[in-house]
């Protein structure tokens, strides 16, 4: 299997300051474009850490071949 790259971003903001969240654009070397869907996790530090771990585990369930 080829080497893979996991693209992600994290930013912690006060919940009441967010107005809009959109996809993050990517430009591929072959000239095509792609996007990364942004996900929102809210709660205490512990809540966010638990949700993030669960989300990462679920993400890799989509790719059982790796």
N, C-alpha and C. Protein backbone atom coordinates (compact mmCIF):
# COMPACT_ATOMS: atom_id res chain seq x y z
N UNK A 1 0.85 -1.19 0.00
CA UNK A 1 0.00 0.00 0.00
C UNK A 1 0.89 1.25 0.00
N UNK A 2 0.45 2.25 -0.70
CA UNK A 2 1.18 3.52 -0.77
C UNK A 2 1.14 4.24 0.57
N UNK A 3 2.11 5.12 0.78
CA UNK A 3 2.07 5.98 1.97
C UNK A 3 0.86 6.88 1.88
N UNK A 4 0.27 7.17 3.00
CA UNK A 4 -0.93 8.00 3.06
C UNK A 4 -0.64 9.29 3.80
N UNK A 5 -1.49 10.29 3.60
CA UNK A 5 -1.41 11.55 4.33
C UNK A 5 -2.78 11.84 4.93
N UNK A 6 -2.83 12.02 6.22
CA UNK A 6 -4.07 12.42 6.90
C UNK A 6 -4.04 13.93 7.04
N UNK A 7 -5.02 14.59 6.44
CA UNK A 7 -5.10 16.05 6.50
C UNK A 7 -6.15 16.43 7.53
N UNK A 8 -5.75 17.25 8.49
CA UNK A 8 -6.71 17.69 9.50
C UNK A 8 -6.27 19.04 10.06
N UNK A 9 -7.19 19.71 10.70
CA UNK A 9 -6.87 20.97 11.35
C UNK A 9 -7.64 21.07 12.65
N UNK A 10 -7.05 21.74 13.60
CA UNK A 10 -7.69 21.93 14.90
C UNK A 10 -7.61 23.39 15.30
N UNK A 11 -8.66 23.88 15.85
CA UNK A 11 -8.67 25.24 16.41
C UNK A 11 -9.71 25.27 17.51
N UNK A 12 -9.34 25.77 18.65
CA UNK A 12 -10.24 25.84 19.79
C UNK A 12 -10.73 27.27 19.94
N UNK A 13 -12.04 27.47 19.88
CA UNK A 13 -12.66 28.79 19.96
C UNK A 13 -13.82 28.76 20.96
N UNK A 14 -14.16 29.90 21.53
CA UNK A 14 -15.38 29.96 22.35
C UNK A 14 -16.59 29.62 21.48
N UNK A 15 -17.46 28.75 21.96
CA UNK A 15 -18.61 28.28 21.18
C UNK A 15 -19.47 29.39 20.62
N UNK A 16 -19.64 30.47 21.39
CA UNK A 16 -20.55 31.52 20.94
C UNK A 16 -19.93 32.47 19.92
N UNK A 17 -18.68 32.27 19.53
CA UNK A 17 -18.03 33.14 18.55
C UNK A 17 -18.11 32.61 17.12
N UNK A 18 -18.54 31.36 16.93
CA UNK A 18 -18.56 30.76 15.61
C UNK A 18 -19.87 31.10 14.90
N UNK A 19 -19.75 31.68 13.72
CA UNK A 19 -20.93 32.01 12.92
C UNK A 19 -21.17 31.01 11.81
N UNK A 20 -20.08 30.56 11.14
CA UNK A 20 -20.22 29.71 9.97
C UNK A 20 -18.98 28.83 9.84
N UNK A 21 -19.18 27.59 9.40
CA UNK A 21 -18.07 26.67 9.15
C UNK A 21 -18.27 26.08 7.77
N UNK A 22 -17.23 26.10 6.96
CA UNK A 22 -17.30 25.53 5.62
C UNK A 22 -16.18 24.54 5.40
N UNK A 23 -16.18 23.91 4.24
CA UNK A 23 -15.13 22.97 3.89
C UNK A 23 -13.82 23.70 3.64
N UNK A 24 -12.72 23.03 3.89
CA UNK A 24 -11.39 23.58 3.61
C UNK A 24 -10.94 23.07 2.24
N UNK A 25 -10.55 23.97 1.34
CA UNK A 25 -10.14 23.54 0.00
C UNK A 25 -8.73 22.96 -0.03
N UNK A 26 -8.50 22.00 -0.92
CA UNK A 26 -7.20 21.41 -1.16
C UNK A 26 -6.91 21.46 -2.65
N UNK A 27 -5.69 21.70 -3.03
CA UNK A 27 -5.27 21.63 -4.43
C UNK A 27 -4.29 20.48 -4.55
N UNK A 28 -4.57 19.53 -5.43
CA UNK A 28 -3.74 18.36 -5.60
C UNK A 28 -2.69 18.60 -6.68
N UNK A 29 -1.61 17.85 -6.62
CA UNK A 29 -0.52 18.02 -7.59
C UNK A 29 -0.96 17.77 -9.02
N UNK A 30 -1.98 16.95 -9.22
CA UNK A 30 -2.46 16.67 -10.57
C UNK A 30 -3.38 17.77 -11.10
N UNK A 31 -3.50 18.87 -10.34
CA UNK A 31 -4.32 20.00 -10.77
C UNK A 31 -5.77 19.93 -10.31
N UNK A 32 -6.19 18.82 -9.81
CA UNK A 32 -7.57 18.68 -9.33
C UNK A 32 -7.71 19.34 -7.97
N UNK A 33 -8.94 19.59 -7.59
CA UNK A 33 -9.24 20.16 -6.29
C UNK A 33 -10.05 19.17 -5.47
N UNK A 34 -9.90 19.26 -4.18
CA UNK A 34 -10.66 18.43 -3.25
C UNK A 34 -11.00 19.31 -2.05
N UNK A 35 -11.73 18.76 -1.12
CA UNK A 35 -12.06 19.53 0.08
C UNK A 35 -12.03 18.62 1.29
N UNK A 36 -11.85 19.24 2.44
CA UNK A 36 -11.88 18.54 3.72
C UNK A 36 -13.08 19.06 4.48
N UNK A 37 -13.94 18.16 4.88
CA UNK A 37 -15.11 18.54 5.64
C UNK A 37 -14.69 18.89 7.07
N UNK A 38 -15.15 20.01 7.55
CA UNK A 38 -14.85 20.42 8.92
C UNK A 38 -15.85 19.76 9.87
N UNK A 39 -15.38 19.34 11.01
CA UNK A 39 -16.23 18.74 12.03
C UNK A 39 -16.16 19.59 13.28
N UNK A 40 -17.26 19.64 14.00
CA UNK A 40 -17.34 20.46 15.21
C UNK A 40 -17.57 19.55 16.42
N UNK A 41 -16.75 19.73 17.43
CA UNK A 41 -16.90 19.02 18.71
C UNK A 41 -17.03 20.08 19.79
N UNK A 42 -18.03 19.93 20.65
CA UNK A 42 -18.26 20.93 21.69
C UNK A 42 -18.35 20.25 23.05
N UNK A 43 -18.06 21.00 24.09
CA UNK A 43 -18.17 20.51 25.45
C UNK A 43 -16.94 20.87 26.24
N UNK A 44 -16.75 20.18 27.33
CA UNK A 44 -15.57 20.40 28.16
C UNK A 44 -14.34 19.82 27.46
N UNK A 45 -13.16 20.09 28.00
CA UNK A 45 -11.93 19.54 27.44
C UNK A 45 -12.03 18.01 27.37
N UNK A 46 -12.51 17.41 28.44
CA UNK A 46 -12.63 15.96 28.48
C UNK A 46 -13.64 15.45 27.45
N UNK A 47 -14.78 16.17 27.31
CA UNK A 47 -15.80 15.80 26.31
C UNK A 47 -15.21 15.83 24.90
N UNK A 48 -14.49 16.90 24.60
CA UNK A 48 -13.91 17.07 23.26
C UNK A 48 -12.87 15.99 22.99
N UNK A 49 -12.00 15.71 23.97
CA UNK A 49 -11.00 14.66 23.78
C UNK A 49 -11.65 13.31 23.52
N UNK A 50 -12.70 12.99 24.25
CA UNK A 50 -13.41 11.71 24.07
C UNK A 50 -14.06 11.64 22.69
N UNK A 51 -14.74 12.74 22.29
CA UNK A 51 -15.38 12.77 20.98
C UNK A 51 -14.36 12.67 19.85
N UNK A 52 -13.22 13.35 20.00
CA UNK A 52 -12.19 13.32 18.97
C UNK A 52 -11.63 11.91 18.81
N UNK A 53 -11.36 11.24 19.91
CA UNK A 53 -10.86 9.87 19.85
C UNK A 53 -11.87 8.95 19.16
N UNK A 54 -13.13 9.08 19.51
CA UNK A 54 -14.19 8.28 18.90
C UNK A 54 -14.29 8.56 17.40
N UNK A 55 -14.19 9.84 17.02
CA UNK A 55 -14.27 10.22 15.61
C UNK A 55 -13.11 9.64 14.81
N UNK A 56 -11.91 9.69 15.37
CA UNK A 56 -10.74 9.14 14.68
C UNK A 56 -10.88 7.62 14.50
N UNK A 57 -11.33 6.94 15.53
CA UNK A 57 -11.53 5.49 15.43
C UNK A 57 -12.57 5.17 14.35
N UNK A 58 -13.66 5.92 14.32
CA UNK A 58 -14.70 5.70 13.32
C UNK A 58 -14.20 6.01 11.91
N UNK A 59 -13.37 7.05 11.77
CA UNK A 59 -12.83 7.40 10.47
C UNK A 59 -12.06 6.23 9.88
N UNK A 60 -11.20 5.60 10.67
CA UNK A 60 -10.39 4.50 10.17
C UNK A 60 -11.24 3.24 9.93
N UNK A 61 -12.42 3.15 10.50
CA UNK A 61 -13.33 2.04 10.20
C UNK A 61 -13.79 2.09 8.74
N UNK A 62 -13.77 3.29 8.12
CA UNK A 62 -14.13 3.43 6.71
C UNK A 62 -13.09 2.80 5.80
N UNK A 63 -11.88 2.59 6.32
CA UNK A 63 -10.77 2.07 5.52
C UNK A 63 -10.20 0.81 6.15
N UNK A 64 -10.95 -0.29 6.13
CA UNK A 64 -10.48 -1.52 6.80
C UNK A 64 -9.23 -2.11 6.15
N UNK A 65 -8.92 -1.72 4.93
CA UNK A 65 -7.77 -2.27 4.23
C UNK A 65 -6.43 -1.71 4.73
N UNK A 66 -6.46 -0.65 5.56
CA UNK A 66 -5.20 -0.09 6.06
C UNK A 66 -4.96 -0.49 7.50
